[in-house]
PDB file of all heavy atoms in Angstrom:
ATOM      1  N   LEU A   1      45.954 104.108 125.221  1.00  0.00           N
ATOM      2  CA  LEU A   1      46.626 103.354 126.281  1.00  0.00           C
ATOM      3  C   LEU A   1      47.300 104.183 127.359  1.00  0.00           C
ATOM      4  O   LEU A   1      48.043 103.670 128.200  1.00  0.00           O
ATOM      5  CB  LEU A   1      47.595 102.287 125.746  1.00  0.00           C
ATOM      6  CG  LEU A   1      46.950 101.316 124.746  1.00  0.00           C
ATOM      7  CD1 LEU A   1      48.057 100.406 124.133  1.00  0.00           C
ATOM      8  CD2 LEU A   1      45.921 100.482 125.419  1.00  0.00           C
ATOM      9  N   GLY A   2      46.992 105.503 127.292  1.00  0.00           N
ATOM     10  CA  GLY A   2      47.503 106.384 128.360  1.00  0.00           C
ATOM     11  C   GLY A   2      49.076 106.414 128.330  1.00  0.00           C
ATOM     12  O   GLY A   2      49.644 106.558 129.478  1.00  0.00           O
ATOM     13  N   GLY A   3      49.673 106.221 127.202  1.00  0.00           N
ATOM     14  CA  GLY A   3      51.173 106.212 127.130  1.00  0.00           C
ATOM     15  C   GLY A   3      51.802 105.005 127.550  1.00  0.00           C
ATOM     16  O   GLY A   3      52.996 104.890 127.482  1.00  0.00           O
ATOM     17  N   ASN A   4      51.003 103.988 127.950  1.00  0.00           N
ATOM     18  CA  ASN A   4      51.634 102.695 128.332  1.00  0.00           C
ATOM     19  C   ASN A   4      51.533 101.739 127.208  1.00  0.00           C
ATOM     20  O   ASN A   4      50.607 100.893 127.129  1.00  0.00           O
ATOM     21  CB  ASN A   4      50.878 102.107 129.591  1.00  0.00           C
ATOM     22  CG  ASN A   4      50.986 103.091 130.663  1.00  0.00           C
ATOM     23  OD1 ASN A   4      52.150 103.488 131.104  1.00  0.00           O
ATOM     24  ND2 ASN A   4      49.922 103.347 131.380  1.00  0.00           N
ATOM     25  N   LEU A   5      52.442 101.764 126.214  1.00  0.00           N
ATOM     26  CA  LEU A   5      52.326 100.971 125.105  1.00  0.00           C
ATOM     27  C   LEU A   5      52.775  99.537 125.403  1.00  0.00           C
ATOM     28  O   LEU A   5      53.528  99.287 126.314  1.00  0.00           O
ATOM     29  CB  LEU A   5      53.267 101.528 123.937  1.00  0.00           C
ATOM     30  CG  LEU A   5      52.751 102.828 123.355  1.00  0.00           C
ATOM     31  CD1 LEU A   5      53.773 103.308 122.276  1.00  0.00           C
ATOM     32  CD2 LEU A   5      51.453 102.659 122.767  1.00  0.00           C
ATOM     33  N   PRO A   6      52.293  98.548 124.559  1.00  0.00           N
ATOM     34  CA  PRO A   6      52.614  97.182 124.771  1.00  0.00           C
ATOM     35  C   PRO A   6      54.069  96.912 124.431  1.00  0.00           C
ATOM     36  O   PRO A   6      54.729  97.685 123.731  1.00  0.00           O
ATOM     37  CB  PRO A   6      51.667  96.414 123.874  1.00  0.00           C
ATOM     38  CG  PRO A   6      51.395  97.396 122.780  1.00  0.00           C
ATOM     39  CD  PRO A   6      51.427  98.730 123.478  1.00  0.00           C
ATOM     40  N   GLU A   7      54.542  95.815 124.754  1.00  0.00           N
ATOM     41  CA  GLU A   7      55.868  95.328 124.342  1.00  0.00           C
ATOM     42  C   GLU A   7      55.925  95.142 122.851  1.00  0.00           C
ATOM     43  O   GLU A   7      56.968  95.425 122.252  1.00  0.00           O
ATOM     44  CB  GLU A   7      56.256  93.974 125.096  1.00  0.00           C
ATOM     45  CG  GLU A   7      57.628  93.580 124.777  1.00  0.00           C
ATOM     46  CD  GLU A   7      57.905  92.273 125.550  1.00  0.00           C
ATOM     47  OE1 GLU A   7      57.321  91.911 126.583  1.00  0.00           O
ATOM     48  OE2 GLU A   7      58.793  91.488 125.055  1.00  0.00           O
ATOM     49  N   ALA A   8      54.831  94.613 122.225  1.00  0.00           N
ATOM     50  CA  ALA A   8      54.882  94.317 120.779  1.00  0.00           C
ATOM     51  C   ALA A   8      53.581  94.791 120.199  1.00  0.00           C
ATOM     52  O   ALA A   8      52.544  94.733 120.832  1.00  0.00           O
ATOM     53  CB  ALA A   8      55.078  92.808 120.611  1.00  0.00           C
ATOM     54  N   ILE A   9      53.707  95.054 118.864  1.00  0.00           N
ATOM     55  CA  ILE A   9      52.474  95.328 118.098  1.00  0.00           C
ATOM     56  C   ILE A   9      52.519  94.498 116.782  1.00  0.00           C
ATOM     57  O   ILE A   9      53.564  94.532 116.120  1.00  0.00           O
ATOM     58  CB  ILE A   9      52.458  96.869 117.787  1.00  0.00           C
ATOM     59  CG1 ILE A   9      52.395  97.714 119.052  1.00  0.00           C
ATOM     60  CG2 ILE A   9      51.246  97.147 116.817  1.00  0.00           C
ATOM     61  CD1 ILE A   9      52.513  99.171 118.850  1.00  0.00           C
ATOM     62  N   LEU A  10      51.438  93.765 116.590  1.00  0.00           N
ATOM     63  CA  LEU A  10      51.395  92.914 115.358  1.00  0.00           C
ATOM     64  C   LEU A  10      50.543  93.661 114.303  1.00  0.00           C
ATOM     65  O   LEU A  10      49.472  93.963 114.537  1.00  0.00           O
ATOM     66  CB  LEU A  10      50.752  91.624 115.732  1.00  0.00           C
ATOM     67  CG  LEU A  10      51.569  90.625 116.640  1.00  0.00           C
ATOM     68  CD1 LEU A  10      51.406  90.993 118.041  1.00  0.00           C
ATOM     69  CD2 LEU A  10      51.196  89.208 116.347  1.00  0.00           C
ATOM     70  N   LEU A  11      51.179  93.785 113.160  1.00  0.00           N
ATOM     71  CA  LEU A  11      50.543  94.489 111.993  1.00  0.00           C
ATOM     72  C   LEU A  11      50.587  93.620 110.744  1.00  0.00           C
ATOM     73  O   LEU A  11      51.724  93.115 110.335  1.00  0.00           O
ATOM     74  CB  LEU A  11      51.416  95.805 111.737  1.00  0.00           C
ATOM     75  CG  LEU A  11      51.693  96.683 112.935  1.00  0.00           C
ATOM     76  CD1 LEU A  11      52.792  97.578 112.701  1.00  0.00           C
ATOM     77  CD2 LEU A  11      50.396  97.552 113.110  1.00  0.00           C
ATOM     78  N   PRO A  12      49.445  93.637 109.981  1.00  0.00           N
ATOM     79  CA  PRO A  12      49.614  92.920 108.752  1.00  0.00           C
ATOM     80  C   PRO A  12      50.535  93.739 107.852  1.00  0.00           C
ATOM     81  O   PRO A  12      50.524  95.002 107.844  1.00  0.00           O
ATOM     82  CB  PRO A  12      48.172  92.862 108.210  1.00  0.00           C
ATOM     83  CG  PRO A  12      47.414  93.831 109.043  1.00  0.00           C
ATOM     84  CD  PRO A  12      48.155  94.089 110.295  1.00  0.00           C
ATOM     85  N   ALA A  13      51.303  93.088 106.944  1.00  0.00           N
ATOM     86  CA  ALA A  13      52.264  93.883 106.148  1.00  0.00           C
ATOM     87  C   ALA A  13      52.339  93.340 104.700  1.00  0.00           C
ATOM     88  O   ALA A  13      52.586  92.116 104.477  1.00  0.00           O
ATOM     89  CB  ALA A  13      53.630  93.733 106.778  1.00  0.00           C
ATOM     90  N   GLY A  14      51.933  94.186 103.758  1.00  0.00           N
ATOM     91  CA  GLY A  14      52.093  93.899 102.319  1.00  0.00           C
ATOM     92  C   GLY A  14      53.076  94.910 101.786  1.00  0.00           C
ATOM     93  O   GLY A  14      54.310  94.686 101.573  1.00  0.00           O
ATOM     94  N   ASN A  15      52.561  96.085 101.465  1.00  0.00           N
ATOM     95  CA  ASN A  15      53.496  97.175 100.969  1.00  0.00           C
ATOM     96  C   ASN A  15      54.084  97.900 102.244  1.00  0.00           C
ATOM     97  O   ASN A  15      54.971  98.736 102.007  1.00  0.00           O
ATOM     98  CB  ASN A  15      52.636  98.260 100.197  1.00  0.00           C
ATOM     99  CG  ASN A  15      52.589  97.795  98.724  1.00  0.00           C
ATOM    100  OD1 ASN A  15      53.524  97.401  98.163  1.00  0.00           O
ATOM    101  ND2 ASN A  15      51.414  97.923  98.184  1.00  0.00           N
ATOM    102  N   GLY A  16      53.620  97.653 103.342  1.00  0.00           N
ATOM    103  CA  GLY A  16      54.187  98.167 104.570  1.00  0.00           C
ATOM    104  C   GLY A  16      53.751  99.489 105.016  1.00  0.00           C
ATOM    105  O   GLY A  16      54.357 100.247 105.835  1.00  0.00           O
ATOM    106  N   THR A  17      52.637 100.058 104.421  1.00  0.00           N
ATOM    107  CA  THR A  17      52.210 101.391 104.734  1.00  0.00           C
ATOM    108  C   THR A  17      51.894 101.587 106.226  1.00  0.00           C
ATOM    109  O   THR A  17      52.221 102.623 106.771  1.00  0.00           O
ATOM    110  CB  THR A  17      51.050 101.777 103.833  1.00  0.00           C
ATOM    111  OG1 THR A  17      49.969 100.835 103.992  1.00  0.00           O
ATOM    112  CG2 THR A  17      51.468 101.889 102.393  1.00  0.00           C
ATOM    113  N   LEU A  18      51.202 100.680 106.869  1.00  0.00           N
ATOM    114  CA  LEU A  18      50.928 100.787 108.278  1.00  0.00           C
ATOM    115  C   LEU A  18      52.200 100.587 109.047  1.00  0.00           C
ATOM    116  O   LEU A  18      52.418 101.354 110.048  1.00  0.00           O
ATOM    117  CB  LEU A  18      49.801  99.836 108.727  1.00  0.00           C
ATOM    118  CG  LEU A  18      49.357  99.904 110.226  1.00  0.00           C
ATOM    119  CD1 LEU A  18      48.902 101.364 110.548  1.00  0.00           C
ATOM    120  CD2 LEU A  18      48.270  98.914 110.522  1.00  0.00           C
ATOM    121  N   LEU A  19      53.036  99.659 108.842  1.00  0.00           N
ATOM    122  CA  LEU A  19      54.284  99.442 109.490  1.00  0.00           C
ATOM    123  C   LEU A  19      55.168 100.678 109.452  1.00  0.00           C
ATOM    124  O   LEU A  19      55.689 101.096 110.450  1.00  0.00           O
ATOM    125  CB  LEU A  19      55.030  98.226 108.970  1.00  0.00           C
ATOM    126  CG  LEU A  19      56.365  97.906 109.429  1.00  0.00           C
ATOM    127  CD1 LEU A  19      56.283  97.357 110.830  1.00  0.00           C
ATOM    128  CD2 LEU A  19      57.140  96.937 108.545  1.00  0.00           C
ATOM    129  N   ILE A  20      55.295 101.272 108.261  1.00  0.00           N
ATOM    130  CA  ILE A  20      56.194 102.429 108.052  1.00  0.00           C
ATOM    131  C   ILE A  20      55.502 103.642 108.802  1.00  0.00           C
ATOM    132  O   ILE A  20      56.229 104.343 109.532  1.00  0.00           O
ATOM    133  CB  ILE A  20      56.331 102.754 106.608  1.00  0.00           C
ATOM    134  CG1 ILE A  20      57.161 101.637 105.940  1.00  0.00           C
ATOM    135  CG2 ILE A  20      56.953 104.139 106.338  1.00  0.00           C
ATOM    136  CD1 ILE A  20      57.135 101.657 104.419  1.00  0.00           C
ATOM    137  N   GLY A  21      54.250 103.788 108.703  1.00  0.00           N
ATOM    138  CA  GLY A  21      53.534 104.915 109.339  1.00  0.00           C
ATOM    139  C   GLY A  21      53.674 104.733 110.916  1.00  0.00           C
ATOM    140  O   GLY A  21      53.962 105.764 111.563  1.00  0.00           O
ATOM    141  N   ALA A  22      53.435 103.520 111.360  1.00  0.00           N
ATOM    142  CA  ALA A  22      53.614 103.366 112.832  1.00  0.00           C
ATOM    143  C   ALA A  22      54.975 103.616 113.327  1.00  0.00           C
ATOM    144  O   ALA A  22      55.156 104.381 114.361  1.00  0.00           O
ATOM    145  CB  ALA A  22      53.190 101.915 113.219  1.00  0.00           C
ATOM    146  N   ALA A  23      55.977 103.277 112.536  1.00  0.00           N
ATOM    147  CA  ALA A  23      57.347 103.534 112.979  1.00  0.00           C
ATOM    148  C   ALA A  23      57.668 105.091 112.998  1.00  0.00           C
ATOM    149  O   ALA A  23      58.237 105.594 113.914  1.00  0.00           O
ATOM    150  CB  ALA A  23      58.334 102.841 111.982  1.00  0.00           C
ATOM    151  N   ILE A  24      57.126 105.787 111.993  1.00  0.00           N
ATOM    152  CA  ILE A  24      57.272 107.219 111.945  1.00  0.00           C
ATOM    153  C   ILE A  24      56.566 107.857 113.150  1.00  0.00           C
ATOM    154  O   ILE A  24      57.215 108.675 113.878  1.00  0.00           O
ATOM    155  CB  ILE A  24      56.660 107.913 110.659  1.00  0.00           C
ATOM    156  CG1 ILE A  24      57.464 107.398 109.428  1.00  0.00           C
ATOM    157  CG2 ILE A  24      56.582 109.362 110.774  1.00  0.00           C
ATOM    158  CD1 ILE A  24      56.817 107.794 108.073  1.00  0.00           C
ATOM    159  N   GLY A  25      55.369 107.480 113.485  1.00  0.00           N
ATOM    160  CA  GLY A  25      54.713 107.914 114.653  1.00  0.00           C
ATOM    161  C   GLY A  25      55.398 107.670 115.975  1.00  0.00           C
ATOM    162  O   GLY A  25      55.483 108.543 116.818  1.00  0.00           O
TER     163      GLY A  25
END
């Protein structure tokens, strides 16, 4: 996205691995 991130990102969450990883990134 060329550094222009959206206001919100919707992620499926069970154990939260993508949510946690995204937050770290």
